[in-house]
Amino acid sequence: MVRGIYTGASGMRAQQWRLDAVANNLANVDTDGYKRDQVSLKAFPELLLRRMEDDGVYKHPFGSGDAAPIIGRMGTGVELNESFTVFTQGSPKETQSDFDLMLEGNGFFVVATPYGERYTRNGSFILGKEGFLLTKDGYPLLGENGPISVRENNFKVDAEGNVWINAIYPDDPTVMVSRRANEWEEPVLLDRLRIVEFELERYLEKQGLSLYRQSQTSGPPIEITDERRPKVLQGFLESSNVDPVLEMVQMIEVNRAYEANQKVIQTEEAMLGTLINQVTKFG
């Protein structure tokens, strides 16, 4: 009976893990570039049930000391196998803002933080006071030559991730002066966005603020420089890949499974109480 209580408790704990993932997904359904979490569960090793007293003749295999025949298996509970991120493509959302970028395909933008490089699918950027493209939390977006410095209405990003500006060169050719959009002449290539991928991206660790960091399982970032490079869309954002209807259905399923495991524990507790009362009555 005590084993039944442990089994029911492990089931309740497993549903708590599932509920945490579902709740986090629903909370970020409107977060640009968010990728849903998914929990995978596995059963504890099953126990073999053997009949200890048997009237029939049982011949065990040569070299085996098990005289009691196996009559079945019994589960002993469930545990968390892994929690991972599902990186399916989110739908595009047009914003018509030059500072909004979207990756169509696998890959991540690279941003610089005080803790090292971090990776994101959220392409909602702003123009900082010093003229650098920043995330909304103040982390600079990185190109192949470092942080990207532009001016408002004076830069374009093409499908290859190249950042173009319109500029004129004064007498000193080392100085480049950006001009307003309506004064554009020949566009000048400023830099190209750094876009990376991972061997096992599902094991990237979420850090918050739409940022990911590499883990030992995900492997180091791999620069994408060939034809596998994702298409960059300027003026678009990638929506969350969370399906709110599916998440609500899963939440109902989790609640019902939690209640079922709760009733198992209550039943086991009642049976154990009855057994104790009967033993003490006749003891």
Protein backbone atom coordinates (compact mmCIF):
# COMPACT_ATOMS: atom_id res chain seq x y z
CA MET A 1 0.00 0.00 0.00
CA VAL A 2 2.81 2.40 0.80
CA ARG A 3 4.19 1.71 -2.69
CA GLY A 4 0.88 2.92 -4.14
CA ILE A 5 1.24 6.21 -2.27
CA TYR A 6 4.72 6.71 -3.70
CA THR A 7 3.48 5.89 -7.20
CA GLY A 8 0.60 8.38 -6.94
CA ALA A 9 2.93 11.05 -5.54
CA SER A 10 5.37 10.60 -8.44
CA GLY A 11 2.44 11.01 -10.85
CA MET A 12 1.38 14.25 -9.17
CA ARG A 13 4.94 15.59 -9.32
CA ALA A 14 5.16 14.70 -13.02
CA GLN A 15 1.96 16.66 -13.74
CA GLN A 16 3.43 19.65 -11.90
CA TRP A 17 6.37 19.64 -14.31
CA ARG A 18 3.98 19.50 -17.26
CA LEU A 19 1.84 22.30 -15.80
CA ASP A 20 4.89 24.54 -15.32
CA ALA A 21 5.80 24.14 -19.00
CA VAL A 22 2.24 24.76 -20.21
CA ALA A 23 1.84 27.83 -17.97
CA ASN A 24 5.12 29.29 -19.24
CA ASN A 25 4.04 28.70 -22.85
CA LEU A 26 0.70 30.43 -22.32
CA ALA A 27 2.38 33.36 -20.55
CA ASN A 28 4.59 33.94 -23.62
CA VAL A 29 2.04 33.35 -26.36
CA ASP A 30 2.48 36.98 -27.51
CA THR A 31 6.27 37.15 -27.01
CA ASP A 32 8.04 37.65 -30.35
CA GLY A 33 10.36 34.79 -31.23
CA TYR A 34 9.36 32.67 -28.22
CA LYS A 35 9.73 28.89 -28.59
CA ARG A 36 7.50 26.56 -26.61
CA ASP A 37 8.78 24.22 -23.91
CA GLN A 38 7.88 20.56 -23.83
CA VAL A 39 8.30 18.01 -21.03
CA SER A 40 9.10 14.36 -21.62
CA LEU A 41 8.38 11.78 -18.90
CA LYS A 42 9.57 8.21 -18.39
CA ALA A 43 8.53 5.36 -16.10
CA PHE A 44 10.61 4.02 -13.26
CA PRO A 45 11.93 0.48 -13.85
CA GLU A 46 9.08 -2.04 -13.57
CA LEU A 47 9.09 -4.72 -10.88
CA LEU A 48 8.62 -8.39 -11.76
CA LEU A 49 5.76 -10.11 -9.93
CA ARG A 50 6.40 -13.71 -9.00
CA ARG A 51 4.03 -16.30 -7.47
CA MET A 52 5.75 -17.44 -4.30
CA GLU A 53 3.50 -20.45 -3.63
CA ASP A 54 2.56 -22.62 -6.59
CA ASP A 55 0.94 -26.09 -6.57
CA GLY A 56 2.09 -26.91 -10.08
CA VAL A 57 5.47 -28.18 -11.10
CA TYR A 58 7.79 -25.38 -12.22
CA LYS A 59 11.13 -26.05 -13.79
CA HIS A 60 13.42 -23.03 -13.79
CA PRO A 61 16.18 -22.62 -16.41
CA PHE A 62 19.54 -24.20 -15.80
CA GLY A 63 21.75 -22.00 -13.68
CA SER A 64 18.87 -19.89 -12.34
CA GLY A 65 17.99 -19.78 -8.68
CA ASP A 66 14.51 -18.31 -9.22
CA ALA A 67 12.05 -21.05 -8.35
CA ALA A 68 8.95 -18.81 -8.38
CA PRO A 69 7.37 -18.22 -11.81
CA ILE A 70 6.94 -14.69 -13.20
CA ILE A 71 3.27 -13.73 -13.41
CA GLY A 72 3.53 -10.12 -14.59
CA ARG A 73 5.01 -6.68 -14.10
CA MET A 74 4.10 -3.73 -11.90
CA GLY A 75 4.89 -0.08 -12.53
CA THR A 76 6.58 1.92 -9.79
CA GLY A 77 5.90 5.49 -10.84
CA VAL A 78 7.07 8.12 -13.30
CA GLU A 79 9.86 10.69 -13.41
CA LEU A 80 11.02 13.62 -15.53
CA ASN A 81 13.04 12.50 -18.54
CA GLU A 82 13.85 15.90 -20.06
CA SER A 83 12.51 19.39 -20.62
CA PHE A 84 13.41 20.82 -24.03
CA THR A 85 12.53 23.63 -26.42
CA VAL A 86 10.64 23.08 -29.67
CA PHE A 87 12.17 25.31 -32.36
CA THR A 88 9.48 25.15 -35.02
CA GLN A 89 9.11 28.26 -37.19
CA GLY A 90 6.68 30.91 -35.98
CA SER A 91 4.44 32.80 -38.36
CA PRO A 92 5.64 36.16 -39.76
CA LYS A 93 4.11 39.39 -38.47
CA GLU A 94 4.59 42.52 -40.56
CA THR A 95 5.52 45.69 -38.66
CA GLN A 96 7.04 47.89 -41.43
CA SER A 97 9.72 49.00 -38.95
CA ASP A 98 13.31 49.03 -40.20
CA PHE A 99 14.45 47.90 -36.74
CA ASP A 100 12.44 44.66 -36.82
CA LEU A 101 14.16 41.62 -38.32
CA MET A 102 13.02 38.03 -38.77
CA LEU A 103 14.88 34.82 -39.58
CA GLU A 104 13.06 32.54 -42.00
CA GLY A 105 14.69 29.20 -41.26
CA ASN A 106 17.04 27.74 -38.67
CA GLY A 107 19.49 30.06 -36.96
CA PHE A 108 19.92 32.68 -34.24
CA PHE A 109 20.91 36.32 -33.99
CA VAL A 110 23.98 36.92 -31.83
CA VAL A 111 23.97 39.62 -29.15
CA ALA A 112 26.67 40.74 -26.72
CA THR A 113 25.92 40.69 -22.99
CA PRO A 114 28.08 41.27 -19.89
CA TYR A 115 28.10 37.47 -19.47
CA GLY A 116 29.26 36.69 -22.99
CA GLU A 117 27.53 36.12 -26.29
CA ARG A 118 23.89 35.07 -26.20
CA TYR A 119 21.50 33.99 -28.96
CA THR A 120 17.95 34.98 -29.79
CA ARG A 121 15.14 34.57 -32.31
CA ASN A 122 13.48 37.81 -31.20
CA GLY A 123 14.35 40.32 -33.91
CA SER A 124 12.74 43.35 -32.26
CA PHE A 125 15.61 45.85 -32.00
CA ILE A 126 15.92 49.54 -31.17
CA LEU A 127 18.43 52.28 -31.97
CA GLY A 128 20.56 53.09 -28.93
CA LYS A 129 21.75 56.53 -27.94
CA GLU A 130 25.19 55.79 -29.36
CA GLY A 131 23.76 54.65 -32.68
CA PHE A 132 24.02 50.88 -32.20
CA LEU A 133 21.28 48.35 -32.88
CA LEU A 134 20.23 46.98 -29.48
CA THR A 135 17.74 44.52 -28.06
CA LYS A 136 15.00 46.12 -25.98
CA ASP A 137 17.06 45.22 -22.91
CA GLY A 138 20.11 47.12 -24.18
CA TYR A 139 22.29 44.34 -25.60
CA PRO A 140 24.00 45.17 -28.94
CA LEU A 141 23.28 43.07 -32.02
CA LEU A 142 26.49 41.67 -33.48
CA GLY A 143 27.63 41.63 -37.06
CA GLU A 144 30.70 39.88 -38.41
CA ASN A 145 32.75 42.99 -37.52
CA GLY A 146 31.19 43.65 -34.13
CA PRO A 147 28.25 45.85 -32.98
CA ILE A 148 26.30 47.46 -35.82
CA SER A 149 26.17 51.26 -35.88
CA VAL A 150 23.50 52.87 -38.09
CA ARG A 151 21.27 55.92 -38.28
CA GLU A 152 17.49 56.03 -38.43
CA ASN A 153 16.00 55.84 -41.95
CA ASN A 154 19.47 55.26 -43.36
CA PHE A 155 20.03 51.52 -43.40
CA LYS A 156 18.62 48.45 -45.09
CA VAL A 157 19.07 44.75 -44.41
CA ASP A 158 18.78 42.39 -47.37
CA ALA A 159 17.76 38.74 -47.42
CA GLU A 160 21.38 37.62 -46.95
CA GLY A 161 21.73 39.65 -43.75
CA ASN A 162 23.92 42.33 -45.33
CA VAL A 163 23.52 45.76 -43.74
CA TRP A 164 23.62 48.57 -46.28
CA ILE A 165 23.79 52.33 -45.69
CA ASN A 166 23.91 55.33 -47.96
CA ALA A 167 27.01 57.39 -47.46
CA ILE A 168 29.30 59.97 -48.98
CA TYR A 169 33.00 60.19 -48.49
CA PRO A 170 34.48 63.60 -47.64
CA ASP A 171 38.09 64.46 -48.35
CA ASP A 172 39.22 62.01 -45.70
CA PRO A 173 38.25 58.57 -47.13
CA THR A 174 38.48 56.97 -43.66
CA VAL A 175 35.46 58.93 -42.49
CA MET A 176 32.02 57.85 -43.61
CA VAL A 177 29.09 60.20 -43.08
CA SER A 178 25.57 58.78 -43.26
CA ARG A 179 22.92 60.80 -45.02
CA ARG A 180 19.16 60.93 -44.81
CA ALA A 181 17.07 58.41 -46.72
CA ASN A 182 15.84 60.95 -49.27
CA GLU A 183 19.46 61.87 -50.10
CA TRP A 184 20.64 58.32 -50.77
CA GLU A 185 23.28 57.77 -53.40
CA GLU A 186 25.17 54.51 -53.91
CA PRO A 187 24.51 52.09 -51.02
CA VAL A 188 27.59 51.02 -49.08
CA LEU A 189 27.98 47.63 -47.40
CA LEU A 190 28.48 48.25 -43.70
CA ASP A 191 28.52 44.74 -42.25
CA ARG A 192 26.74 41.38 -42.31
CA LEU A 193 24.68 39.95 -39.47
CA ARG A 194 26.19 37.07 -37.55
CA ILE A 195 23.82 34.11 -37.70
CA VAL A 196 24.69 30.87 -35.92
CA GLU A 197 23.24 27.42 -35.43
CA PHE A 198 23.82 24.52 -33.03
CA GLU A 199 24.24 20.81 -33.49
CA LEU A 200 21.50 20.10 -30.91
CA GLU A 201 19.58 23.35 -30.58
CA ARG A 202 16.77 21.76 -28.54
CA TYR A 203 19.16 21.60 -25.59
CA LEU A 204 19.94 25.32 -25.52
CA GLU A 205 19.29 26.84 -22.10
CA LYS A 206 16.77 29.65 -21.78
CA GLN A 207 18.19 32.61 -19.90
CA GLY A 208 15.19 34.93 -19.98
CA LEU A 209 14.67 38.13 -21.98
CA SER A 210 14.27 35.92 -25.11
CA LEU A 211 17.94 34.91 -24.87
CA TYR A 212 19.54 31.47 -25.07
CA ARG A 213 22.95 30.25 -24.01
CA GLN A 214 24.82 27.20 -25.15
CA SER A 215 24.96 24.09 -22.99
CA GLN A 216 27.32 21.17 -22.93
CA THR A 217 24.73 19.10 -24.78
CA SER A 218 23.83 21.69 -27.44
CA GLY A 219 27.45 22.17 -28.45
CA PRO A 220 29.17 25.44 -29.43
CA PRO A 221 27.68 27.90 -31.93
CA ILE A 222 28.40 27.23 -35.60
CA GLU A 223 28.61 30.22 -37.96
CA ILE A 224 26.27 29.88 -40.96
CA THR A 225 28.05 31.30 -43.99
CA ASP A 226 26.88 29.09 -46.85
CA GLU A 227 23.61 28.42 -48.67
CA ARG A 228 22.05 27.10 -45.44
CA ARG A 229 21.96 30.64 -44.12
CA PRO A 230 18.35 31.60 -43.27
CA LYS A 231 16.58 34.39 -45.12
CA VAL A 232 16.41 37.71 -43.26
CA LEU A 233 13.19 39.73 -43.53
CA GLN A 234 13.31 43.40 -42.56
CA GLY A 235 10.07 44.92 -41.30
CA PHE A 236 8.81 41.58 -39.96
CA LEU A 237 8.84 39.79 -36.61
CA GLU A 238 8.51 36.09 -35.88
CA SER A 239 5.50 35.28 -33.74
CA SER A 240 5.57 32.76 -30.91
CA ASN A 241 5.14 29.15 -32.02
CA VAL A 242 2.74 28.48 -29.12
CA ASP A 243 -0.74 27.24 -30.08
CA PRO A 244 -2.96 28.58 -27.25
CA VAL A 245 -5.78 26.14 -28.00
CA LEU A 246 -3.45 23.14 -27.81
CA GLU A 247 -1.89 24.45 -24.59
CA MET A 248 -5.32 24.92 -22.99
CA VAL A 249 -6.26 21.35 -23.91
CA GLN A 250 -3.03 20.11 -22.36
CA MET A 251 -3.72 22.13 -19.22
CA ILE A 252 -7.11 20.44 -18.82
CA GLU A 253 -5.47 17.05 -19.39
CA VAL A 254 -2.80 17.80 -16.78
CA ASN A 255 -5.39 18.87 -14.19
CA ARG A 256 -7.41 15.69 -14.68
CA ALA A 257 -4.31 13.49 -14.44
CA TYR A 258 -3.27 15.32 -11.27
CA GLU A 259 -6.68 14.75 -9.72
CA ALA A 260 -6.58 11.05 -10.67
CA ASN A 261 -3.22 10.59 -8.93
CA GLN A 262 -4.56 12.51 -5.95
CA LYS A 263 -7.48 10.11 -5.65
CA VAL A 264 -5.05 7.17 -5.79
CA ILE A 265 -3.21 8.53 -2.76
CA GLN A 266 -6.47 9.16 -0.90
CA THR A 267 -7.66 5.63 -1.61
CA GLU A 268 -4.35 4.09 -0.54
CA GLU A 269 -4.40 6.19 2.63
CA ALA A 270 -7.93 5.03 3.47
CA MET A 271 -7.01 1.38 2.88
CA LEU A 272 -3.89 1.71 5.02
CA GLY A 273 -5.90 3.33 7.80
CA THR A 274 -8.46 0.53 7.70
CA LEU A 275 -5.70 -2.09 7.84
CA ILE A 276 -4.04 -0.46 10.84
CA ASN A 277 -7.36 -0.17 12.68
CA GLN A 278 -8.18 -3.84 12.06
CA VAL A 279 -4.73 -5.01 13.19
CA THR A 280 -4.89 -2.99 16.40
CA LYS A 281 -8.43 -4.22 17.06
CA PHE A 282 -7.44 -7.89 16.98
CA GLY A 283 -3.91 -7.41 18.26
